[in-house]
Protein backbone atom coordinates (compact mmCIF):
# COMPACT_ATOMS: atom_id res chain seq x y z
CA UNK A 1 0.00 0.00 0.00
CA UNK A 2 1.68 3.26 -1.13
CA UNK A 3 1.79 5.93 1.56
CA UNK A 4 2.22 9.62 0.80
CA UNK A 5 3.10 11.76 3.83
CA UNK A 6 3.21 15.55 3.62
CA UNK A 7 4.54 17.65 6.46
CA UNK A 8 4.03 21.39 6.81
CA UNK A 9 7.11 22.69 8.63
CA UNK A 10 7.28 26.28 9.82
CA UNK A 11 10.25 28.57 9.28
CA UNK A 12 8.95 30.89 12.01
CA UNK A 13 9.45 29.80 15.63
CA UNK A 14 6.20 31.63 16.52
CA UNK A 15 4.14 29.62 14.01
CA UNK A 16 3.54 25.90 14.55
CA UNK A 17 3.34 23.24 11.83
CA UNK A 18 -0.31 22.82 12.80
CA UNK A 19 -0.90 26.52 12.00
CA UNK A 20 0.85 26.18 8.63
CA UNK A 21 -1.38 23.23 7.69
CA UNK A 22 -4.52 25.04 8.87
CA UNK A 23 -3.70 28.18 6.86
CA UNK A 24 -2.39 26.48 3.70
CA UNK A 25 -4.88 23.64 3.66
CA UNK A 26 -3.98 20.05 2.91
CA UNK A 27 -1.97 20.45 -0.31
CA UNK A 28 -0.17 17.86 -2.41
CA UNK A 29 1.73 18.21 -5.66
CA UNK A 30 0.09 16.65 -8.70
CA UNK A 31 0.75 16.54 -12.42
CA UNK A 32 -2.03 17.73 -14.73
CA UNK A 33 -2.06 16.69 -18.39
CA UNK A 34 -4.08 15.41 -21.29
CA UNK A 35 -5.36 11.94 -20.41
CA UNK A 36 -2.87 9.13 -20.94
CA UNK A 37 -4.47 5.73 -21.40
CA UNK A 38 -2.24 2.65 -21.01
CA UNK A 39 -1.57 1.00 -24.37
CA UNK A 40 -2.86 3.95 -26.41
CA UNK A 41 -0.60 5.52 -29.03
CA UNK A 42 0.53 9.00 -28.00
CA UNK A 43 0.89 12.09 -30.19
CA UNK A 44 4.30 13.06 -31.49
CA UNK A 45 6.38 14.63 -28.70
CA UNK A 46 6.75 17.95 -30.52
CA UNK A 47 2.98 18.39 -30.85
CA UNK A 48 2.01 17.62 -27.27
CA UNK A 49 1.74 20.25 -24.52
CA UNK A 50 3.92 19.30 -21.57
CA UNK A 51 2.19 18.24 -18.33
CA UNK A 52 2.40 20.73 -15.47
CA UNK A 53 3.21 20.02 -11.84
CA UNK A 54 0.97 22.12 -9.57
CA UNK A 55 -0.42 22.18 -6.05
CA UNK A 56 -3.80 20.60 -5.36
CA UNK A 57 -6.03 21.25 -2.36
CA UNK A 58 -7.69 18.18 -0.87
CA UNK A 59 -11.28 19.34 -0.30
CA UNK A 60 -13.56 16.90 1.48
CA UNK A 61 -16.44 19.33 0.92
CA UNK A 62 -16.21 18.95 -2.86
CA UNK A 63 -17.85 15.90 -4.38
CA UNK A 64 -15.80 16.11 -7.58
CA UNK A 65 -12.37 17.39 -8.55
CA UNK A 66 -11.84 20.58 -10.53
CA UNK A 67 -8.97 22.37 -12.26
CA UNK A 68 -8.18 26.01 -12.75
CA UNK A 69 -9.71 27.30 -15.99
CA UNK A 70 -6.45 29.02 -17.04
CA UNK A 71 -4.44 25.83 -16.44
CA UNK A 72 -6.89 23.83 -18.56
CA UNK A 73 -6.55 26.40 -21.35
CA UNK A 74 -2.74 26.41 -21.14
CA UNK A 75 -2.66 22.60 -21.34
CA UNK A 76 -5.10 22.66 -24.28
CA UNK A 77 -7.42 20.23 -22.54
CA UNK A 78 -10.49 19.55 -24.67
CA UNK A 79 -13.83 20.96 -23.53
CA UNK A 80 -16.27 18.06 -23.53
CA UNK A 81 -19.30 19.54 -21.79
CA UNK A 82 -20.73 22.46 -19.81
CA UNK A 83 -22.15 21.97 -16.34
CA UNK A 84 -23.90 24.11 -13.72
CA UNK A 85 -22.12 23.91 -10.38
CA UNK A 86 -23.09 25.44 -7.07
CA UNK A 87 -20.57 27.45 -5.12
CA UNK A 88 -20.30 30.10 -2.46
CA UNK A 89 -21.58 32.73 -4.93
CA UNK A 90 -24.42 30.50 -6.18
CA UNK A 91 -24.84 28.36 -9.31
CA UNK A 92 -22.70 29.06 -12.36
CA UNK A 93 -22.11 27.29 -15.69
CA UNK A 94 -18.55 25.95 -16.11
CA UNK A 95 -16.64 24.28 -18.93
CA UNK A 96 -15.91 20.60 -18.31
CA UNK A 97 -12.55 19.33 -19.55
CA UNK A 98 -11.16 15.90 -20.32
CA UNK A 99 -7.92 15.60 -18.41
CA UNK A 100 -5.69 13.65 -16.09
CA UNK A 101 -4.56 14.47 -12.56
CA UNK A 102 -1.77 12.27 -11.24
CA UNK A 103 -0.39 11.95 -7.74
CA UNK A 104 3.07 10.71 -8.69
CA UNK A 105 3.92 9.83 -5.07
CA UNK A 106 0.99 7.41 -4.95
CA UNK A 107 1.53 6.35 -8.57
CA UNK A 108 -2.16 6.92 -9.19
CA UNK A 109 -3.98 8.95 -11.83
CA UNK A 110 -7.55 10.16 -12.13
CA UNK A 111 -8.63 10.40 -15.76
CA UNK A 112 -11.87 11.91 -16.90
CA UNK A 113 -14.08 14.96 -16.52
CA UNK A 114 -12.93 17.96 -14.52
CA UNK A 115 -14.86 21.19 -14.16
CA UNK A 116 -12.90 24.32 -15.01
CA UNK A 117 -13.15 26.87 -12.22
CA UNK A 118 -11.40 30.13 -11.38
CA UNK A 119 -8.95 29.46 -8.55
CA UNK A 120 -7.25 32.61 -7.34
CA UNK A 121 -5.36 30.78 -4.64
CA UNK A 122 -1.96 29.13 -4.17
CA UNK A 123 -3.28 25.93 -5.74
CA UNK A 124 -4.50 25.02 -9.25
CA UNK A 125 -6.53 21.87 -8.57
CA UNK A 126 -9.25 20.89 -6.12
CA UNK A 127 -9.27 17.19 -5.28
CA UNK A 128 -12.77 16.18 -4.21
CA UNK A 129 -14.24 13.10 -2.63
CA UNK A 130 -14.11 11.14 -5.90
CA UNK A 131 -10.30 11.38 -5.65
CA UNK A 132 -10.43 10.16 -2.04
CA UNK A 133 -12.93 7.38 -2.78
CA UNK A 134 -10.36 4.55 -2.60
CA UNK A 135 -7.96 6.32 -0.26
CA UNK A 136 -7.36 6.55 3.45
CA UNK A 137 -6.83 10.24 4.22
CA UNK A 138 -5.44 11.28 7.59
CA UNK A 139 -5.45 14.96 8.51
CA UNK A 140 -3.33 15.30 11.64
CA UNK A 141 -3.96 18.87 12.68
CA UNK A 142 -2.04 18.47 15.93
CA UNK A 143 1.26 17.72 14.18
CA UNK A 144 0.72 19.59 10.90
CA UNK A 145 0.91 16.44 8.75
CA UNK A 146 -1.34 14.64 6.29
CA UNK A 147 -1.13 11.07 4.99
CA UNK A 148 -2.72 9.43 1.99
CA UNK A 149 -2.81 5.66 1.64
CA UNK A 150 -4.20 3.76 -1.34
C-alpha atoms as a PDB file:
ATOM      1  CA  UNK A   1       0.000   0.000   0.000  1.00  0.00           C
ATOM      2  CA  UNK A   2       1.684   3.261  -1.129  1.00  0.00           C
ATOM      3  CA  UNK A   3       1.793   5.934   1.564  1.00  0.00           C
ATOM      4  CA  UNK A   4       2.216   9.622   0.804  1.00  0.00           C
ATOM      5  CA  UNK A   5       3.098  11.759   3.828  1.00  0.00           C
ATOM      6  CA  UNK A   6       3.206  15.549   3.617  1.00  0.00           C
ATOM      7  CA  UNK A   7       4.540  17.651   6.463  1.00  0.00           C
ATOM      8  CA  UNK A   8       4.032  21.389   6.807  1.00  0.00           C
ATOM      9  CA  UNK A   9       7.111  22.690   8.626  1.00  0.00           C
ATOM     10  CA  UNK A  10       7.278  26.277   9.820  1.00  0.00           C
ATOM     11  CA  UNK A  11      10.255  28.569   9.283  1.00  0.00           C
ATOM     12  CA  UNK A  12       8.952  30.887  12.007  1.00  0.00           C
ATOM     13  CA  UNK A  13       9.450  29.805  15.630  1.00  0.00           C
ATOM     14  CA  UNK A  14       6.203  31.631  16.523  1.00  0.00           C
ATOM     15  CA  UNK A  15       4.136  29.616  14.009  1.00  0.00           C
ATOM     16  CA  UNK A  16       3.539  25.902  14.548  1.00  0.00           C
ATOM     17  CA  UNK A  17       3.342  23.244  11.830  1.00  0.00           C
ATOM     18  CA  UNK A  18      -0.308  22.820  12.797  1.00  0.00           C
ATOM     19  CA  UNK A  19      -0.904  26.518  11.998  1.00  0.00           C
ATOM     20  CA  UNK A  20       0.849  26.181   8.627  1.00  0.00           C
ATOM     21  CA  UNK A  21      -1.377  23.226   7.690  1.00  0.00           C
ATOM     22  CA  UNK A  22      -4.516  25.036   8.873  1.00  0.00           C
ATOM     23  CA  UNK A  23      -3.700  28.179   6.859  1.00  0.00           C
ATOM     24  CA  UNK A  24      -2.386  26.484   3.696  1.00  0.00           C
ATOM     25  CA  UNK A  25      -4.882  23.636   3.656  1.00  0.00           C
ATOM     26  CA  UNK A  26      -3.979  20.045   2.907  1.00  0.00           C
ATOM     27  CA  UNK A  27      -1.967  20.453  -0.311  1.00  0.00           C
ATOM     28  CA  UNK A  28      -0.172  17.864  -2.412  1.00  0.00           C
ATOM     29  CA  UNK A  29       1.726  18.206  -5.657  1.00  0.00           C
ATOM     30  CA  UNK A  30       0.086  16.653  -8.697  1.00  0.00           C
ATOM     31  CA  UNK A  31       0.749  16.542 -12.423  1.00  0.00           C
ATOM     32  CA  UNK A  32      -2.030  17.728 -14.734  1.00  0.00           C
ATOM     33  CA  UNK A  33      -2.063  16.686 -18.390  1.00  0.00           C
ATOM     34  CA  UNK A  34      -4.078  15.411 -21.286  1.00  0.00           C
ATOM     35  CA  UNK A  35      -5.359  11.935 -20.408  1.00  0.00           C
ATOM     36  CA  UNK A  36      -2.871   9.132 -20.943  1.00  0.00           C
ATOM     37  CA  UNK A  37      -4.467   5.726 -21.395  1.00  0.00           C
ATOM     38  CA  UNK A  38      -2.243   2.652 -21.011  1.00  0.00           C
ATOM     39  CA  UNK A  39      -1.567   1.002 -24.365  1.00  0.00           C
ATOM     40  CA  UNK A  40      -2.856   3.953 -26.413  1.00  0.00           C
ATOM     41  CA  UNK A  41      -0.600   5.517 -29.027  1.00  0.00           C
ATOM     42  CA  UNK A  42       0.531   9.004 -27.998  1.00  0.00           C
ATOM     43  CA  UNK A  43       0.886  12.092 -30.192  1.00  0.00           C
ATOM     44  CA  UNK A  44       4.301  13.064 -31.486  1.00  0.00           C
ATOM     45  CA  UNK A  45       6.381  14.625 -28.700  1.00  0.00           C
ATOM     46  CA  UNK A  46       6.746  17.953 -30.523  1.00  0.00           C
ATOM     47  CA  UNK A  47       2.977  18.393 -30.848  1.00  0.00           C
ATOM     48  CA  UNK A  48       2.008  17.621 -27.273  1.00  0.00           C
ATOM     49  CA  UNK A  49       1.737  20.247 -24.518  1.00  0.00           C
ATOM     50  CA  UNK A  50       3.921  19.298 -21.574  1.00  0.00           C
ATOM     51  CA  UNK A  51       2.193  18.242 -18.328  1.00  0.00           C
ATOM     52  CA  UNK A  52       2.402  20.727 -15.465  1.00  0.00           C
ATOM     53  CA  UNK A  53       3.209  20.022 -11.839  1.00  0.00           C
ATOM     54  CA  UNK A  54       0.971  22.119  -9.572  1.00  0.00           C
ATOM     55  CA  UNK A  55      -0.415  22.175  -6.046  1.00  0.00           C
ATOM     56  CA  UNK A  56      -3.796  20.597  -5.355  1.00  0.00           C
ATOM     57  CA  UNK A  57      -6.028  21.250  -2.358  1.00  0.00           C
ATOM     58  CA  UNK A  58      -7.693  18.180  -0.868  1.00  0.00           C
ATOM     59  CA  UNK A  59     -11.278  19.340  -0.304  1.00  0.00           C
ATOM     60  CA  UNK A  60     -13.561  16.898   1.480  1.00  0.00           C
ATOM     61  CA  UNK A  61     -16.436  19.325   0.921  1.00  0.00           C
ATOM     62  CA  UNK A  62     -16.206  18.949  -2.862  1.00  0.00           C
ATOM     63  CA  UNK A  63     -17.852  15.903  -4.381  1.00  0.00           C
ATOM     64  CA  UNK A  64     -15.797  16.106  -7.584  1.00  0.00           C
ATOM     65  CA  UNK A  65     -12.372  17.392  -8.552  1.00  0.00           C
ATOM     66  CA  UNK A  66     -11.836  20.582 -10.527  1.00  0.00           C
ATOM     67  CA  UNK A  67      -8.973  22.365 -12.261  1.00  0.00           C
ATOM     68  CA  UNK A  68      -8.181  26.013 -12.753  1.00  0.00           C
ATOM     69  CA  UNK A  69      -9.712  27.299 -15.986  1.00  0.00           C
ATOM     70  CA  UNK A  70      -6.453  29.020 -17.039  1.00  0.00           C
ATOM     71  CA  UNK A  71      -4.436  25.835 -16.437  1.00  0.00           C
ATOM     72  CA  UNK A  72      -6.888  23.826 -18.564  1.00  0.00           C
ATOM     73  CA  UNK A  73      -6.548  26.401 -21.353  1.00  0.00           C
ATOM     74  CA  UNK A  74      -2.735  26.410 -21.137  1.00  0.00           C
ATOM     75  CA  UNK A  75      -2.657  22.599 -21.341  1.00  0.00           C
ATOM     76  CA  UNK A  76      -5.102  22.664 -24.281  1.00  0.00           C
ATOM     77  CA  UNK A  77      -7.416  20.233 -22.538  1.00  0.00           C
ATOM     78  CA  UNK A  78     -10.491  19.551 -24.673  1.00  0.00           C
ATOM     79  CA  UNK A  79     -13.825  20.962 -23.526  1.00  0.00           C
ATOM     80  CA  UNK A  80     -16.266  18.057 -23.526  1.00  0.00           C
ATOM     81  CA  UNK A  81     -19.296  19.540 -21.786  1.00  0.00           C
ATOM     82  CA  UNK A  82     -20.730  22.457 -19.809  1.00  0.00           C
ATOM     83  CA  UNK A  83     -22.146  21.969 -16.338  1.00  0.00           C
ATOM     84  CA  UNK A  84     -23.899  24.106 -13.721  1.00  0.00           C
ATOM     85  CA  UNK A  85     -22.125  23.912 -10.384  1.00  0.00           C
ATOM     86  CA  UNK A  86     -23.089  25.436  -7.065  1.00  0.00           C
ATOM     87  CA  UNK A  87     -20.571  27.449  -5.125  1.00  0.00           C
ATOM     88  CA  UNK A  88     -20.297  30.105  -2.460  1.00  0.00           C
ATOM     89  CA  UNK A  89     -21.581  32.734  -4.928  1.00  0.00           C
ATOM     90  CA  UNK A  90     -24.415  30.502  -6.176  1.00  0.00           C
ATOM     91  CA  UNK A  91     -24.842  28.362  -9.305  1.00  0.00           C
ATOM     92  CA  UNK A  92     -22.702  29.059 -12.364  1.00  0.00           C
ATOM     93  CA  UNK A  93     -22.106  27.293 -15.691  1.00  0.00           C
ATOM     94  CA  UNK A  94     -18.553  25.951 -16.115  1.00  0.00           C
ATOM     95  CA  UNK A  95     -16.636  24.276 -18.925  1.00  0.00           C
ATOM     96  CA  UNK A  96     -15.907  20.604 -18.312  1.00  0.00           C
ATOM     97  CA  UNK A  97     -12.548  19.333 -19.549  1.00  0.00           C
ATOM     98  CA  UNK A  98     -11.158  15.897 -20.320  1.00  0.00           C
ATOM     99  CA  UNK A  99      -7.916  15.604 -18.406  1.00  0.00           C
ATOM    100  CA  UNK A 100      -5.693  13.650 -16.088  1.00  0.00           C
ATOM    101  CA  UNK A 101      -4.561  14.466 -12.556  1.00  0.00           C
ATOM    102  CA  UNK A 102      -1.766  12.275 -11.242  1.00  0.00           C
ATOM    103  CA  UNK A 103      -0.392  11.947  -7.741  1.00  0.00           C
ATOM    104  CA  UNK A 104       3.072  10.714  -8.691  1.00  0.00           C
ATOM    105  CA  UNK A 105       3.917   9.833  -5.068  1.00  0.00           C
ATOM    106  CA  UNK A 106       0.986   7.414  -4.947  1.00  0.00           C
ATOM    107  CA  UNK A 107       1.535   6.350  -8.573  1.00  0.00           C
ATOM    108  CA  UNK A 108      -2.163   6.920  -9.192  1.00  0.00           C
ATOM    109  CA  UNK A 109      -3.982   8.946 -11.835  1.00  0.00           C
ATOM    110  CA  UNK A 110      -7.554  10.159 -12.128  1.00  0.00           C
ATOM    111  CA  UNK A 111      -8.629  10.403 -15.755  1.00  0.00           C
ATOM    112  CA  UNK A 112     -11.867  11.911 -16.895  1.00  0.00           C
ATOM    113  CA  UNK A 113     -14.082  14.955 -16.523  1.00  0.00           C
ATOM    114  CA  UNK A 114     -12.930  17.962 -14.517  1.00  0.00           C
ATOM    115  CA  UNK A 115     -14.861  21.187 -14.160  1.00  0.00           C
ATOM    116  CA  UNK A 116     -12.902  24.321 -15.014  1.00  0.00           C
ATOM    117  CA  UNK A 117     -13.147  26.870 -12.217  1.00  0.00           C
ATOM    118  CA  UNK A 118     -11.397  30.126 -11.377  1.00  0.00           C
ATOM    119  CA  UNK A 119      -8.950  29.457  -8.552  1.00  0.00           C
ATOM    120  CA  UNK A 120      -7.252  32.612  -7.345  1.00  0.00           C
ATOM    121  CA  UNK A 121      -5.360  30.778  -4.643  1.00  0.00           C
ATOM    122  CA  UNK A 122      -1.964  29.128  -4.173  1.00  0.00           C
ATOM    123  CA  UNK A 123      -3.280  25.929  -5.737  1.00  0.00           C
ATOM    124  CA  UNK A 124      -4.498  25.018  -9.250  1.00  0.00           C
ATOM    125  CA  UNK A 125      -6.532  21.869  -8.566  1.00  0.00           C
ATOM    126  CA  UNK A 126      -9.250  20.886  -6.118  1.00  0.00           C
ATOM    127  CA  UNK A 127      -9.272  17.190  -5.278  1.00  0.00           C
ATOM    128  CA  UNK A 128     -12.775  16.181  -4.214  1.00  0.00           C
ATOM    129  CA  UNK A 129     -14.235  13.097  -2.633  1.00  0.00           C
ATOM    130  CA  UNK A 130     -14.114  11.138  -5.904  1.00  0.00           C
ATOM    131  CA  UNK A 131     -10.299  11.385  -5.651  1.00  0.00           C
ATOM    132  CA  UNK A 132     -10.434  10.158  -2.042  1.00  0.00           C
ATOM    133  CA  UNK A 133     -12.932   7.376  -2.778  1.00  0.00           C
ATOM    134  CA  UNK A 134     -10.364   4.551  -2.604  1.00  0.00           C
ATOM    135  CA  UNK A 135      -7.960   6.323  -0.258  1.00  0.00           C
ATOM    136  CA  UNK A 136      -7.362   6.551   3.453  1.00  0.00           C
ATOM    137  CA  UNK A 137      -6.828  10.240   4.217  1.00  0.00           C
ATOM    138  CA  UNK A 138      -5.443  11.282   7.595  1.00  0.00           C
ATOM    139  CA  UNK A 139      -5.448  14.964   8.513  1.00  0.00           C
ATOM    140  CA  UNK A 140      -3.325  15.304  11.637  1.00  0.00           C
ATOM    141  CA  UNK A 141      -3.963  18.874  12.677  1.00  0.00           C
ATOM    142  CA  UNK A 142      -2.040  18.466  15.927  1.00  0.00           C
ATOM    143  CA  UNK A 143       1.262  17.717  14.182  1.00  0.00           C
ATOM    144  CA  UNK A 144       0.722  19.586  10.898  1.00  0.00           C
ATOM    145  CA  UNK A 145       0.908  16.445   8.753  1.00  0.00           C
ATOM    146  CA  UNK A 146      -1.338  14.635   6.289  1.00  0.00           C
ATOM    147  CA  UNK A 147      -1.130  11.070   4.991  1.00  0.00           C
ATOM    148  CA  UNK A 148      -2.719   9.428   1.985  1.00  0.00           C
ATOM    149  CA  UNK A 149      -2.808   5.655   1.638  1.00  0.00           C
ATOM    150  CA  UNK A 150      -4.204   3.758  -1.337  1.00  0.00           C
END
